[in-house]
Amino acid sequence: MRLQCVLITVKDIQKARRYYETLFGLEVLQDNDGNILMTQGLALQDEKIWGGFLGEEITGGSNSSELYFEEEDIEGFIRKLEAYDPDVRYVNRLMTHSWGQRVIRFYDPDGHLIEVGTPMG
């Protein structure tokens, strides 16, 4: 058995698709009408579909998980992020951990927590 993907729910699937394509370079592998599978194991699903499966309203912003990406040119990524979304909501701006890794944390338009850090290895 292996983990196939991580699914996040989104309010506007096309907006989320553009966000992850533009900022993170992900590509669409499958687009199944409200369900998009992207490269690197990220799946987007329209929250109305997900809510229908659960029979409940979707609540976001729990801060109980994050999507983690690595980027060598972190300053370049920050410029790209701020040009794409001038109102980006940061958890923390660029900081350096005690072990030397540089990271930023912020929320995507749907409130999912994202961390981008310099490679560890």
PDB file of N, CA and C in Angstrom:
ATOM      1  N   MET A   1       0.842  -1.169   0.000  1.00  0.00           N
ATOM      2  CA  MET A   1       0.000   0.000   0.000  1.00  0.00           C
ATOM      3  C   MET A   1       0.894   1.240   0.000  1.00  0.00           C
ATOM      4  N   ARG A   2       0.407   2.304  -0.671  1.00  0.00           N
ATOM      5  CA  ARG A   2       1.136   3.562  -0.638  1.00  0.00           C
ATOM      6  C   ARG A   2       0.158   4.723  -0.660  1.00  0.00           C
ATOM      7  N   LEU A   3       0.548   5.823  -0.088  1.00  0.00           N
ATOM      8  CA  LEU A   3      -0.266   7.023  -0.102  1.00  0.00           C
ATOM      9  C   LEU A   3      -0.294   7.575  -1.513  1.00  0.00           C
ATOM     10  N   GLN A   4      -1.469   7.789  -2.053  1.00  0.00           N
ATOM     11  CA  GLN A   4      -1.631   8.254  -3.429  1.00  0.00           C
ATOM     12  C   GLN A   4      -1.611   9.774  -3.524  1.00  0.00           C
ATOM     13  N   CYS A   5      -2.308  10.449  -2.597  1.00  0.00           N
ATOM     14  CA  CYS A   5      -2.357  11.906  -2.660  1.00  0.00           C
ATOM     15  C   CYS A   5      -2.873  12.457  -1.343  1.00  0.00           C
ATOM     16  N   VAL A   6      -2.792  13.761  -1.222  1.00  0.00           N
ATOM     17  CA  VAL A   6      -3.402  14.499  -0.127  1.00  0.00           C
ATOM     18  C   VAL A   6      -4.464  15.382  -0.761  1.00  0.00           C
ATOM     19  N   LEU A   7      -5.686  15.312  -0.248  1.00  0.00           N
ATOM     20  CA  LEU A   7      -6.803  16.061  -0.804  1.00  0.00           C
ATOM     21  C   LEU A   7      -7.128  17.239   0.099  1.00  0.00           C
ATOM     22  N   ILE A   8      -7.278  18.409  -0.523  1.00  0.00           N
ATOM     23  CA  ILE A   8      -7.752  19.584   0.203  1.00  0.00           C
ATOM     24  C   ILE A   8      -9.023  20.084  -0.483  1.00  0.00           C
ATOM     25  N   THR A   9      -9.943  20.605   0.306  1.00  0.00           N
ATOM     26  CA  THR A   9     -11.167  21.154  -0.258  1.00  0.00           C
ATOM     27  C   THR A   9     -10.982  22.644  -0.520  1.00  0.00           C
ATOM     28  N   VAL A  10     -11.616  23.112  -1.583  1.00  0.00           N
ATOM     29  CA  VAL A  10     -11.464  24.511  -1.992  1.00  0.00           C
ATOM     30  C   VAL A  10     -12.828  25.084  -2.388  1.00  0.00           C
ATOM     31  N   LYS A  11     -12.980  26.383  -2.206  1.00  0.00           N
ATOM     32  CA  LYS A  11     -14.235  27.061  -2.551  1.00  0.00           C
ATOM     33  C   LYS A  11     -14.374  27.251  -4.058  1.00  0.00           C
ATOM     34  N   ASP A  12     -13.282  27.609  -4.720  1.00  0.00           N
ATOM     35  CA  ASP A  12     -13.276  27.871  -6.163  1.00  0.00           C
ATOM     36  C   ASP A  12     -12.165  27.024  -6.774  1.00  0.00           C
ATOM     37  N   ILE A  13     -12.516  25.921  -7.382  1.00  0.00           N
ATOM     38  CA  ILE A  13     -11.516  24.953  -7.835  1.00  0.00           C
ATOM     39  C   ILE A  13     -10.612  25.505  -8.930  1.00  0.00           C
ATOM     40  N   GLN A  14     -11.141  26.332  -9.819  1.00  0.00           N
ATOM     41  CA  GLN A  14     -10.293  26.899 -10.882  1.00  0.00           C
ATOM     42  C   GLN A  14      -9.314  27.927 -10.317  1.00  0.00           C
ATOM     43  N   LYS A  15      -9.747  28.691  -9.341  1.00  0.00           N
ATOM     44  CA  LYS A  15      -8.849  29.649  -8.674  1.00  0.00           C
ATOM     45  C   LYS A  15      -7.730  28.901  -7.952  1.00  0.00           C
ATOM     46  N   ALA A  16      -8.089  27.833  -7.250  1.00  0.00           N
ATOM     47  CA  ALA A  16      -7.086  27.032  -6.539  1.00  0.00           C
ATOM     48  C   ALA A  16      -6.131  26.375  -7.524  1.00  0.00           C
ATOM     49  N   ARG A  17      -6.659  25.889  -8.627  1.00  0.00           N
ATOM     50  CA  ARG A  17      -5.806  25.282  -9.663  1.00  0.00           C
ATOM     51  C   ARG A  17      -4.766  26.271 -10.153  1.00  0.00           C
ATOM     52  N   ARG A  18      -5.200  27.483 -10.503  1.00  0.00           N
ATOM     53  CA  ARG A  18      -4.261  28.518 -10.970  1.00  0.00           C
ATOM     54  C   ARG A  18      -3.214  28.845  -9.904  1.00  0.00           C
ATOM     55  N   TYR A  19      -3.644  28.913  -8.664  1.00  0.00           N
ATOM     56  CA  TYR A  19      -2.746  29.225  -7.542  1.00  0.00           C
ATOM     57  C   TYR A  19      -1.612  28.206  -7.464  1.00  0.00           C
ATOM     58  N   TYR A  20      -1.960  26.932  -7.448  1.00  0.00           N
ATOM     59  CA  TYR A  20      -0.945  25.884  -7.307  1.00  0.00           C
ATOM     60  C   TYR A  20      -0.137  25.681  -8.584  1.00  0.00           C
ATOM     61  N   GLU A  21      -0.730  25.932  -9.738  1.00  0.00           N
ATOM     62  CA  GLU A  21       0.038  25.876 -10.992  1.00  0.00           C
ATOM     63  C   GLU A  21       1.045  27.022 -11.052  1.00  0.00           C
ATOM     64  N   THR A  22       0.584  28.229 -10.776  1.00  0.00           N
ATOM     65  CA  THR A  22       1.408  29.424 -10.930  1.00  0.00           C
ATOM     66  C   THR A  22       2.513  29.505  -9.889  1.00  0.00           C
ATOM     67  N   LEU A  23       2.173  29.316  -8.637  1.00  0.00           N
ATOM     68  CA  LEU A  23       3.159  29.512  -7.567  1.00  0.00           C
ATOM     69  C   LEU A  23       4.059  28.307  -7.325  1.00  0.00           C
ATOM     70  N   PHE A  24       3.528  27.109  -7.498  1.00  0.00           N
ATOM     71  CA  PHE A  24       4.283  25.919  -7.128  1.00  0.00           C
ATOM     72  C   PHE A  24       4.674  25.051  -8.313  1.00  0.00           C
ATOM     73  N   GLY A  25       4.242  25.429  -9.503  1.00  0.00           N
ATOM     74  CA  GLY A  25       4.607  24.686 -10.700  1.00  0.00           C
ATOM     75  C   GLY A  25       3.945  23.325 -10.822  1.00  0.00           C
ATOM     76  N   LEU A  26       2.868  23.084 -10.073  1.00  0.00           N
ATOM     77  CA  LEU A  26       2.177  21.806 -10.177  1.00  0.00           C
ATOM     78  C   LEU A  26       1.405  21.755 -11.493  1.00  0.00           C
ATOM     79  N   GLU A  27       1.225  20.564 -12.001  1.00  0.00           N
ATOM     80  CA  GLU A  27       0.496  20.362 -13.247  1.00  0.00           C
ATOM     81  C   GLU A  27      -0.690  19.444 -12.998  1.00  0.00           C
ATOM     82  N   VAL A  28      -1.721  19.640 -13.788  1.00  0.00           N
ATOM     83  CA  VAL A  28      -2.927  18.822 -13.665  1.00  0.00           C
ATOM     84  C   VAL A  28      -2.704  17.474 -14.342  1.00  0.00           C
ATOM     85  N   LEU A  29      -2.956  16.406 -13.602  1.00  0.00           N
ATOM     86  CA  LEU A  29      -2.906  15.054 -14.155  1.00  0.00           C
ATOM     87  C   LEU A  29      -4.290  14.604 -14.602  1.00  0.00           C
ATOM     88  N   GLN A  30      -5.303  14.956 -13.809  1.00  0.00           N
ATOM     89  CA  GLN A  30      -6.692  14.619 -14.129  1.00  0.00           C
ATOM     90  C   GLN A  30      -7.584  15.749 -13.649  1.00  0.00           C
ATOM     91  N   ASP A  31      -8.588  16.070 -14.458  1.00  0.00           N
ATOM     92  CA  ASP A  31      -9.586  17.059 -14.071  1.00  0.00           C
ATOM     93  C   ASP A  31     -10.945  16.397 -14.251  1.00  0.00           C
ATOM     94  N   ASN A  32     -11.551  16.004 -13.146  1.00  0.00           N
ATOM     95  CA  ASN A  32     -12.810  15.261 -13.174  1.00  0.00           C
ATOM     96  C   ASN A  32     -13.960  16.071 -12.582  1.00  0.00           C
ATOM     97  N   ASP A  33     -14.211  17.239 -13.159  1.00  0.00           N
ATOM     98  CA  ASP A  33     -15.393  18.015 -12.799  1.00  0.00           C
ATOM     99  C   ASP A  33     -15.547  18.206 -11.296  1.00  0.00           C
ATOM    100  N   GLY A  34     -14.708  19.056 -10.739  1.00  0.00           N
ATOM    101  CA  GLY A  34     -14.761  19.319  -9.305  1.00  0.00           C
ATOM    102  C   GLY A  34     -13.754  18.541  -8.497  1.00  0.00           C
ATOM    103  N   ASN A  35     -12.989  17.690  -9.167  1.00  0.00           N
ATOM    104  CA  ASN A  35     -11.913  16.907  -8.545  1.00  0.00           C
ATOM    105  C   ASN A  35     -10.697  17.006  -9.450  1.00  0.00           C
ATOM    106  N   ILE A  36      -9.632  17.612  -8.954  1.00  0.00           N
ATOM    107  CA  ILE A  36      -8.422  17.772  -9.764  1.00  0.00           C
ATOM    108  C   ILE A  36      -7.262  17.096  -9.057  1.00  0.00           C
ATOM    109  N   LEU A  37      -6.601  16.191  -9.765  1.00  0.00           N
ATOM    110  CA  LEU A  37      -5.386  15.555  -9.270  1.00  0.00           C
ATOM    111  C   LEU A  37      -4.208  16.251  -9.931  1.00  0.00           C
ATOM    112  N   MET A  38      -3.272  16.723  -9.109  1.00  0.00           N
ATOM    113  CA  MET A  38      -2.107  17.444  -9.605  1.00  0.00           C
ATOM    114  C   MET A  38      -0.841  16.631  -9.345  1.00  0.00           C
ATOM    115  N   THR A  39       0.234  17.045  -9.988  1.00  0.00           N
ATOM    116  CA  THR A  39       1.526  16.404  -9.744  1.00  0.00           C
ATOM    117  C   THR A  39       1.925  16.618  -8.287  1.00  0.00           C
ATOM    118  N   GLN A  40       2.858  15.832  -7.843  1.00  0.00           N
ATOM    119  CA  GLN A  40       3.409  15.853  -6.492  1.00  0.00           C
ATOM    120  C   GLN A  40       2.396  15.442  -5.430  1.00  0.00           C
ATOM    121  N   GLY A  41       1.280  14.804  -5.874  1.00  0.00           N
ATOM    122  CA  GLY A  41       0.365  14.202  -4.914  1.00  0.00           C
ATOM    123  C   GLY A  41      -0.635  15.134  -4.265  1.00  0.00           C
ATOM    124  N   LEU A  42      -0.944  16.256  -4.912  1.00  0.00           N
ATOM    125  CA  LEU A  42      -1.963  17.148  -4.367  1.00  0.00           C
ATOM    126  C   LEU A  42      -3.256  16.983  -5.156  1.00  0.00           C
ATOM    127  N   ALA A  43      -4.360  16.805  -4.436  1.00  0.00           N
ATOM    128  CA  ALA A  43      -5.680  16.740  -5.058  1.00  0.00           C
ATOM    129  C   ALA A  43      -6.520  17.889  -4.514  1.00  0.00           C
ATOM    130  N   LEU A  44      -7.262  18.520  -5.412  1.00  0.00           N
ATOM    131  CA  LEU A  44      -8.181  19.590  -5.050  1.00  0.00           C
ATOM    132  C   LEU A  44      -9.594  19.079  -5.259  1.00  0.00           C
ATOM    133  N   GLN A  45     -10.474  19.384  -4.326  1.00  0.00           N
ATOM    134  CA  GLN A  45     -11.867  19.003  -4.507  1.00  0.00           C
ATOM    135  C   GLN A  45     -12.756  20.167  -4.099  1.00  0.00           C
ATOM    136  N   ASP A  46     -13.770  20.412  -4.940  1.00  0.00           N
ATOM    137  CA  ASP A  46     -14.763  21.439  -4.649  1.00  0.00           C
ATOM    138  C   ASP A  46     -15.401  21.100  -3.304  1.00  0.00           C
ATOM    139  N   GLU A  47     -15.446  22.081  -2.416  1.00  0.00           N
ATOM    140  CA  GLU A  47     -15.956  21.795  -1.068  1.00  0.00           C
ATOM    141  C   GLU A  47     -17.432  21.389  -1.060  1.00  0.00           C
ATOM    142  N   LYS A  48     -18.189  21.777  -2.087  1.00  0.00           N
ATOM    143  CA  LYS A  48     -19.597  21.351  -2.154  1.00  0.00           C
ATOM    144  C   LYS A  48     -19.688  19.838  -2.359  1.00  0.00           C
ATOM    145  N   ILE A  49     -18.787  19.297  -3.164  1.00  0.00           N
ATOM    146  CA  ILE A  49     -18.757  17.840  -3.378  1.00  0.00           C
ATOM    147  C   ILE A  49     -18.366  17.134  -2.086  1.00  0.00           C
ATOM    148  N   TRP A  50     -17.314  17.623  -1.453  1.00  0.00           N
ATOM    149  CA  TRP A  50     -16.840  17.012  -0.214  1.00  0.00           C
ATOM    150  C   TRP A  50     -17.906  17.093   0.875  1.00  0.00           C
ATOM    151  N   GLY A  51     -18.550  18.266   0.978  1.00  0.00           N
ATOM    152  CA  GLY A  51     -19.626  18.419   1.950  1.00  0.00           C
ATOM    153  C   GLY A  51     -20.778  17.471   1.691  1.00  0.00           C
ATOM    154  N   GLY A  52     -21.052  17.198   0.403  1.00  0.00           N
ATOM    155  CA  GLY A  52     -22.091  16.239   0.055  1.00  0.00           C
ATOM    156  C   GLY A  52     -21.751  14.834   0.514  1.00  0.00           C
ATOM    157  N   PHE A  53     -20.475  14.449   0.392  1.00  0.00           N
ATOM    158  CA  PHE A  53     -20.051  13.128   0.863  1.00  0.00           C
ATOM    159  C   PHE A  53     -20.212  13.015   2.379  1.00  0.00           C
ATOM    160  N   LEU A  54     -19.812  14.072   3.070  1.00  0.00           N
ATOM    161  CA  LEU A  54     -19.845  14.039   4.533  1.00  0.00           C
ATOM    162  C   LEU A  54     -21.232  14.302   5.106  1.00  0.00           C
ATOM    163  N   GLY A  55     -22.047  15.009   4.330  1.00  0.00           N
ATOM    164  CA  GLY A  55     -23.337  15.402   4.855  1.00  0.00           C
ATOM    165  C   GLY A  55     -23.222  16.508   5.881  1.00  0.00           C
ATOM    166  N   GLU A  56     -22.151  17.263   5.811  1.00  0.00           N
ATOM    167  CA  GLU A  56     -21.898  18.352   6.759  1.00  0.00           C
ATOM    168  C   GLU A  56     -21.338  19.554   6.022  1.00  0.00           C
ATOM    169  N   GLU A  57     -21.409  20.703   6.683  1.00  0.00           N
ATOM    170  CA  GLU A  57     -20.783  21.905   6.156  1.00  0.00           C
ATOM    171  C   GLU A  57     -19.272  21.809   6.364  1.00  0.00           C
ATOM    172  N   ILE A  58     -18.516  22.293   5.394  1.00  0.00           N
ATOM    173  CA  ILE A  58     -17.055  22.264   5.493  1.00  0.00           C
ATOM    174  C   ILE A  58     -16.580  23.472   6.285  1.00  0.00           C
ATOM    175  N   THR A  59     -15.719  23.225   7.265  1.00  0.00           N
ATOM    176  CA  THR A  59     -15.099  24.310   8.020  1.00  0.00           C
ATOM    177  C   THR A  59     -13.605  24.235   7.791  1.00  0.00           C
ATOM    178  N   GLY A  60     -13.008  25.330   7.418  1.00  0.00           N
ATOM    179  CA  GLY A  60     -11.569  25.359   7.139  1.00  0.00           C
ATOM    180  C   GLY A  60     -10.812  26.088   8.229  1.00  0.00           C
ATOM    181  N   GLY A  61      -9.512  26.217   7.990  1.00  0.00           N
ATOM    182  CA  GLY A  61      -8.666  27.013   8.871  1.00  0.00           C
ATOM    183  C   GLY A  61      -8.376  26.410  10.219  1.00  0.00           C
ATOM    184  N   SER A  62      -8.281  25.093  10.310  1.00  0.00           N
ATOM    185  CA  SER A  62      -8.063  24.467  11.614  1.00  0.00           C
ATOM    186  C   SER A  62      -6.598  24.505  12.064  1.00  0.00           C
ATOM    187  N   ASN A  63      -5.680  24.791  11.159  1.00  0.00           N
ATOM    188  CA  ASN A  63      -4.243  24.797  11.466  1.00  0.00           C
ATOM    189  C   ASN A  63      -3.744  23.451  11.982  1.00  0.00           C
ATOM    190  N   SER A  64      -4.434  22.384  11.635  1.00  0.00           N
ATOM    191  CA  SER A  64      -4.020  21.068  12.125  1.00  0.00           C
ATOM    192  C   SER A  64      -3.100  20.342  11.152  1.00  0.00           C
ATOM    193  N   SER A  65      -2.844  20.955   9.999  1.00  0.00           N
ATOM    194  CA  SER A  65      -1.935  20.349   9.026  1.00  0.00           C
ATOM    195  C   SER A  65      -1.374  21.447   8.142  1.00  0.00           C
ATOM    196  N   GLU A  66      -0.355  21.094   7.363  1.00  0.00           N
ATOM    197  CA  GLU A  66       0.202  22.046   6.406  1.00  0.00           C
ATOM    198  C   GLU A  66       0.690  21.312   5.176  1.00  0.00           C
ATOM    199  N   LEU A  67       0.759  22.043   4.082  1.00  0.00           N
ATOM    200  CA  LEU A  67       1.410  21.554   2.876  1.00  0.00           C
ATOM    201  C   LEU A  67       2.833  22.095   2.925  1.00  0.00           C
ATOM    202  N   TYR A  68       3.814  21.222   2.739  1.00  0.00           N
ATOM    203  CA  TYR A  68       5.218  21.603   2.867  1.00  0.00           C
ATOM    204  C   TYR A  68       5.905  21.479   1.518  1.00  0.00           C
ATOM    205  N   PHE A  69       6.554  22.547   1.098  1.00  0.00           N
ATOM    206  CA  PHE A  69       7.310  22.589  -0.152  1.00  0.00           C
ATOM    207  C   PHE A  69       8.732  23.031   0.156  1.00  0.00           C
ATOM    208  N   GLU A  70       9.676  22.603  -0.683  1.00  0.00           N
ATOM    209  CA  GLU A  70      11.057  23.078  -0.577  1.00  0.00           C
ATOM    210  C   GLU A  70      11.411  23.871  -1.823  1.00  0.00           C
ATOM    211  N   GLU A  71      12.192  24.933  -1.613  1.00  0.00           N
ATOM    212  CA  GLU A  71      12.587  25.832  -2.696  1.00  0.00           C
ATOM    213  C   GLU A  71      13.970  26.391  -2.402  1.00  0.00           C
ATOM    214  N   GLU A  72      14.888  26.199  -3.331  1.00  0.00           N
ATOM    215  CA  GLU A  72      16.249  26.725  -3.149  1.00  0.00           C
ATOM    216  C   GLU A  72      16.268  28.246  -3.149  1.00  0.00           C
ATOM    217  N   ASP A  73      15.576  28.857  -4.106  1.00  0.00           N
ATOM    218  CA  ASP A  73      15.540  30.320  -4.221  1.00  0.00           C
ATOM    219  C   ASP A  73      14.335  30.851  -3.456  1.00  0.00           C
ATOM    220  N   ILE A  74      14.431  30.853  -2.151  1.00  0.00           N
ATOM    221  CA  ILE A  74      13.267  31.226  -1.337  1.00  0.00           C
ATOM    222  C   ILE A  74      12.936  32.704  -1.473  1.00  0.00           C
ATOM    223  N   GLU A  75      13.955  33.567  -1.633  1.00  0.00           N
ATOM    224  CA  GLU A  75      13.671  34.991  -1.833  1.00  0.00           C
ATOM    225  C   GLU A  75      12.924  35.213  -3.144  1.00  0.00           C
ATOM    226  N   GLY A  76      13.313  34.486  -4.201  1.00  0.00           N
ATOM    227  CA  GLY A  76      12.615  34.564  -5.476  1.00  0.00           C
ATOM    228  C   GLY A  76      11.183  34.090  -5.348  1.00  0.00           C
ATOM    229  N   PHE A  77      10.972  33.020  -4.583  1.00  0.00           N
ATOM    230  CA  PHE A  77       9.611  32.534  -4.373  1.00  0.00           C
ATOM    231  C   PHE A  77       8.770  33.575  -3.645  1.00  0.00           C
ATOM    232  N   ILE A  78       9.338  34.230  -2.635  1.00  0.00           N
ATOM    233  CA  ILE A  78       8.598  35.241  -1.878  1.00  0.00           C
ATOM    234  C   ILE A  78       8.188  36.395  -2.800  1.00  0.00           C
ATOM    235  N   ARG A  79       9.082  36.826  -3.675  1.00  0.00           N
ATOM    236  CA  ARG A  79       8.733  37.887  -4.635  1.00  0.00           C
ATOM    237  C   ARG A  79       7.578  37.432  -5.530  1.00  0.00           C
ATOM    238  N   LYS A  80       7.648  36.207  -6.006  1.00  0.00           N
ATOM    239  CA  LYS A  80       6.595  35.646  -6.862  1.00  0.00           C
ATOM    240  C   LYS A  80       5.269  35.561  -6.108  1.00  0.00           C
ATOM    241  N   LEU A  81       5.308  35.095  -4.870  1.00  0.00           N
ATOM    242  CA  LEU A  81       4.120  34.989  -4.031  1.00  0.00           C
ATOM    243  C   LEU A  81       3.474  36.347  -3.813  1.00  0.00           C
ATOM    244  N   GLU A  82       4.272  37.341  -3.445  1.00  0.00           N
ATOM    245  CA  GLU A  82       3.735  38.660  -3.142  1.00  0.00           C
ATOM    246  C   GLU A  82       3.240  39.377  -4.398  1.00  0.00           C
ATOM    247  N   ALA A  83       3.826  39.088  -5.560  1.00  0.00           N
ATOM    248  CA  ALA A  83       3.325  39.651  -6.821  1.00  0.00           C
ATOM    249  C   ALA A  83       1.993  39.010  -7.185  1.00  0.00           C
ATOM    250  N   TYR A  84       1.859  37.712  -6.937  1.00  0.00           N
ATOM    251  CA  TYR A  84       0.627  36.986  -7.256  1.00  0.00           C
ATOM    252  C   TYR A  84      -0.491  37.371  -6.292  1.00  0.00           C
ATOM    253  N   ASP A  85      -0.161  37.474  -5.012  1.00  0.00           N
ATOM    254  CA  ASP A  85      -1.150  37.762  -3.978  1.00  0.00           C
ATOM    255  C   ASP A  85      -0.601  38.824  -3.030  1.00  0.00           C
ATOM    256  N   PRO A  86      -0.803  40.110  -3.363  1.00  0.00           N
ATOM    257  CA  PRO A  86      -0.265  41.186  -2.514  1.00  0.00           C
ATOM    258  C   PRO A  86      -0.809  41.157  -1.085  1.00  0.00           C
ATOM    259  N   ASP A  87      -1.946  40.493  -0.876  1.00  0.00           N
ATOM    260  CA  ASP A  87      -2.553  40.425   0.459  1.00  0.00           C
ATOM    261  C   ASP A  87      -2.295  39.093   1.148  1.00  0.00           C
ATOM    262  N   VAL A  88      -1.220  38.406   0.760  1.00  0.00           N
ATOM    263  CA  VAL A  88      -0.911  37.105   1.355  1.00  0.00           C
ATOM    264  C   VAL A  88      -0.931  37.217   2.882  1.00  0.00           C
ATOM    265  N   ARG A  89      -1.527  36.235   3.515  1.00  0.00           N
ATOM    266  CA  ARG A  89      -1.632  36.226   4.978  1.00  0.00           C
ATOM    267  C   ARG A  89      -0.539  35.302   5.535  1.00  0.00           C
ATOM    268  N   TYR A  90       0.457  35.915   6.129  1.00  0.00           N
ATOM    269  CA  TYR A  90       1.601  35.174   6.668  1.00  0.00           C
ATOM    270  C   TYR A  90       1.332  34.674   8.084  1.00  0.00           C
ATOM    271  N   VAL A  91       1.846  33.490   8.375  1.00  0.00           N
ATOM    272  CA  VAL A  91       1.981  33.020   9.750  1.00  0.00           C
ATOM    273  C   VAL A  91       3.310  33.544  10.259  1.00  0.00           C
ATOM    274  N   ASN A  92       4.345  33.335   9.464  1.00  0.00           N
ATOM    275  CA  ASN A  92       5.636  33.959   9.743  1.00  0.00           C
ATOM    276  C   ASN A  92       6.326  34.279   8.418  1.00  0.00           C
ATOM    277  N   ARG A  93       6.937  35.431   8.398  1.00  0.00           N
ATOM    278  CA  ARG A  93       7.730  35.814   7.241  1.00  0.00           C
ATOM    279  C   ARG A  93       9.040  35.033   7.307  1.00  0.00           C
ATOM    280  N   LEU A  94       9.922  35.270   6.365  1.00  0.00           N
ATOM    281  CA  LEU A  94      11.154  34.494   6.275  1.00  0.00           C
ATOM    282  C   LEU A  94      11.905  34.503   7.610  1.00  0.00           C
ATOM    283  N   MET A  95      12.180  33.308   8.088  1.00  0.00           N
ATOM    284  CA  MET A  95      12.919  33.128   9.345  1.00  0.00           C
ATOM    285  C   MET A  95      13.915  31.987   9.168  1.00  0.00           C
ATOM    286  N   THR A  96      14.870  31.910  10.059  1.00  0.00           N
ATOM    287  CA  THR A  96      15.861  30.834  10.022  1.00  0.00           C
ATOM    288  C   THR A  96      15.742  30.010  11.302  1.00  0.00           C
ATOM    289  N   HIS A  97      15.526  28.710  11.138  1.00  0.00           N
ATOM    290  CA  HIS A  97      15.482  27.810  12.293  1.00  0.00           C
ATOM    291  C   HIS A  97      16.889  27.628  12.861  1.00  0.00           C
ATOM    292  N   SER A  98      16.960  27.127  14.078  1.00  0.00           N
ATOM    293  CA  SER A  98      18.253  26.904  14.742  1.00  0.00           C
ATOM    294  C   SER A  98      19.142  25.939  13.959  1.00  0.00           C
ATOM    295  N   TRP A  99      18.549  25.056  13.135  1.00  0.00           N
ATOM    296  CA  TRP A  99      19.321  24.099  12.346  1.00  0.00           C
ATOM    297  C   TRP A  99      19.727  24.661  10.988  1.00  0.00           C
ATOM    298  N   GLY A 100      19.399  25.943  10.735  1.00  0.00           N
ATOM    299  CA  GLY A 100      19.867  26.611   9.527  1.00  0.00           C
ATOM    300  C   GLY A 100      18.869  26.683   8.376  1.00  0.00           C
ATOM    301  N   GLN A 101      17.762  25.983   8.464  1.00  0.00           N
ATOM    302  CA  GLN A 101      16.777  26.021   7.376  1.00  0.00           C
ATOM    303  C   GLN A 101      15.998  27.334   7.426  1.00  0.00           C
ATOM    304  N   ARG A 102      15.828  27.943   6.258  1.00  0.00           N
ATOM    305  CA  ARG A 102      15.050  29.172   6.130  1.00  0.00           C
ATOM    306  C   ARG A 102      13.642  28.811   5.656  1.00  0.00           C
ATOM    307  N   VAL A 103      12.614  29.361   6.308  1.00  0.00           N
ATOM    308  CA  VAL A 103      11.228  29.013   5.992  1.00  0.00           C
ATOM    309  C   VAL A 103      10.312  30.226   6.078  1.00  0.00           C
ATOM    310  N   ILE A 104       9.193  30.122   5.349  1.00  0.00           N
ATOM    311  CA  ILE A 104       8.062  31.020   5.523  1.00  0.00           C
ATOM    312  C   ILE A 104       6.816  30.153   5.659  1.00  0.00           C
ATOM    313  N   ARG A 105       5.811  30.683   6.326  1.00  0.00           N
ATOM    314  CA  ARG A 105       4.525  30.003   6.448  1.00  0.00           C
ATOM    315  C   ARG A 105       3.428  31.019   6.159  1.00  0.00           C
ATOM    316  N   PHE A 106       2.432  30.571   5.410  1.00  0.00           N
ATOM    317  CA  PHE A 106       1.348  31.458   5.010  1.00  0.00           C
ATOM    318  C   PHE A 106       0.129  30.609   4.659  1.00  0.00           C
ATOM    319  N   TYR A 107      -0.980  31.278   4.403  1.00  0.00           N
ATOM    320  CA  TYR A 107      -2.215  30.584   4.052  1.00  0.00           C
ATOM    321  C   TYR A 107      -2.524  30.759   2.574  1.00  0.00           C
ATOM    322  N   ASP A 108      -3.047  29.704   1.960  1.00  0.00           N
ATOM    323  CA  ASP A 108      -3.538  29.826   0.585  1.00  0.00           C
ATOM    324  C   ASP A 108      -4.900  30.526   0.633  1.00  0.00           C
ATOM    325  N   PRO A 109      -5.500  30.828  -0.509  1.00  0.00           N
ATOM    326  CA  PRO A 109      -6.778  31.551  -0.490  1.00  0.00           C
ATOM    327  C   PRO A 109      -7.916  30.849   0.260  1.00  0.00           C
ATOM    328  N   ASP A 110      -7.824  29.544   0.458  1.00  0.00           N
ATOM    329  CA  ASP A 110      -8.849  28.802   1.187  1.00  0.00           C
ATOM    330  C   ASP A 110      -8.490  28.578   2.652  1.00  0.00           C
ATOM    331  N   GLY A 111      -7.392  29.139   3.104  1.00  0.00           N
ATOM    332  CA  GLY A 111      -7.008  29.016   4.505  1.00  0.00           C
ATOM    333  C   GLY A 111      -6.183  27.801   4.848  1.00  0.00           C
ATOM    334  N   HIS A 112      -5.657  27.091   3.832  1.00  0.00           N
ATOM    335  CA  HIS A 112      -4.766  25.959   4.106  1.00  0.00           C
ATOM    336  C   HIS A 112      -3.373  26.499   4.413  1.00  0.00           C
ATOM    337  N   LEU A 113      -2.782  25.989   5.453  1.00  0.00           N
ATOM    338  CA  LEU A 113      -1.455  26.410   5.875  1.00  0.00           C
ATOM    339  C   LEU A 113      -0.393  25.812   4.954  1.00  0.00           C
ATOM    340  N   ILE A 114       0.521  26.662   4.494  1.00  0.00           N
ATOM    341  CA  ILE A 114       1.603  26.234   3.608  1.00  0.00           C
ATOM    342  C   ILE A 114       2.918  26.666   4.220  1.00  0.00           C
ATOM    343  N   GLU A 115       3.906  25.791   4.163  1.00  0.00           N
ATOM    344  CA  GLU A 115       5.271  26.127   4.561  1.00  0.00           C
ATOM    345  C   GLU A 115       6.151  25.919   3.327  1.00  0.00           C
ATOM    346  N   VAL A 116       7.025  26.885   3.085  1.00  0.00           N
ATOM    347  CA  VAL A 116       8.050  26.753   2.048  1.00  0.00           C
ATOM    348  C   VAL A 116       9.384  26.955   2.743  1.00  0.00           C
ATOM    349  N   GLY A 117      10.260  25.980   2.576  1.00  0.00           N
ATOM    350  CA  GLY A 117      11.563  26.044   3.210  1.00  0.00           C
ATOM    351  C   GLY A 117      12.667  25.696   2.236  1.00  0.00           C
ATOM    352  N   THR A 118      13.863  26.089   2.603  1.00  0.00           N
ATOM    353  CA  THR A 118      15.015  25.711   1.796  1.00  0.00           C
ATOM    354  C   THR A 118      15.274  24.220   2.026  1.00  0.00           C
ATOM    355  N   PRO A 119      15.829  23.540   1.019  1.00  0.00           N
ATOM    356  CA  PRO A 119      16.061  22.096   1.143  1.00  0.00           C
ATOM    357  C   PRO A 119      16.925  21.734   2.341  1.00  0.00           C
ATOM    358  N   MET A 120      16.602  20.604   2.948  1.00  0.00           N
ATOM    359  CA  MET A 120      17.328  20.140   4.130  1.00  0.00           C
ATOM    360  C   MET A 120      18.546  19.290   3.786  1.00  0.00           C
ATOM    361  N   GLY A 121      18.583  18.755   2.576  1.00  0.00           N
ATOM    362  CA  GLY A 121      19.672  17.818   2.304  1.00  0.00           C
ATOM    363  C   GLY A 121      20.459  18.094   1.107  1.00  0.00           C
TER     364      GLY A 121
END
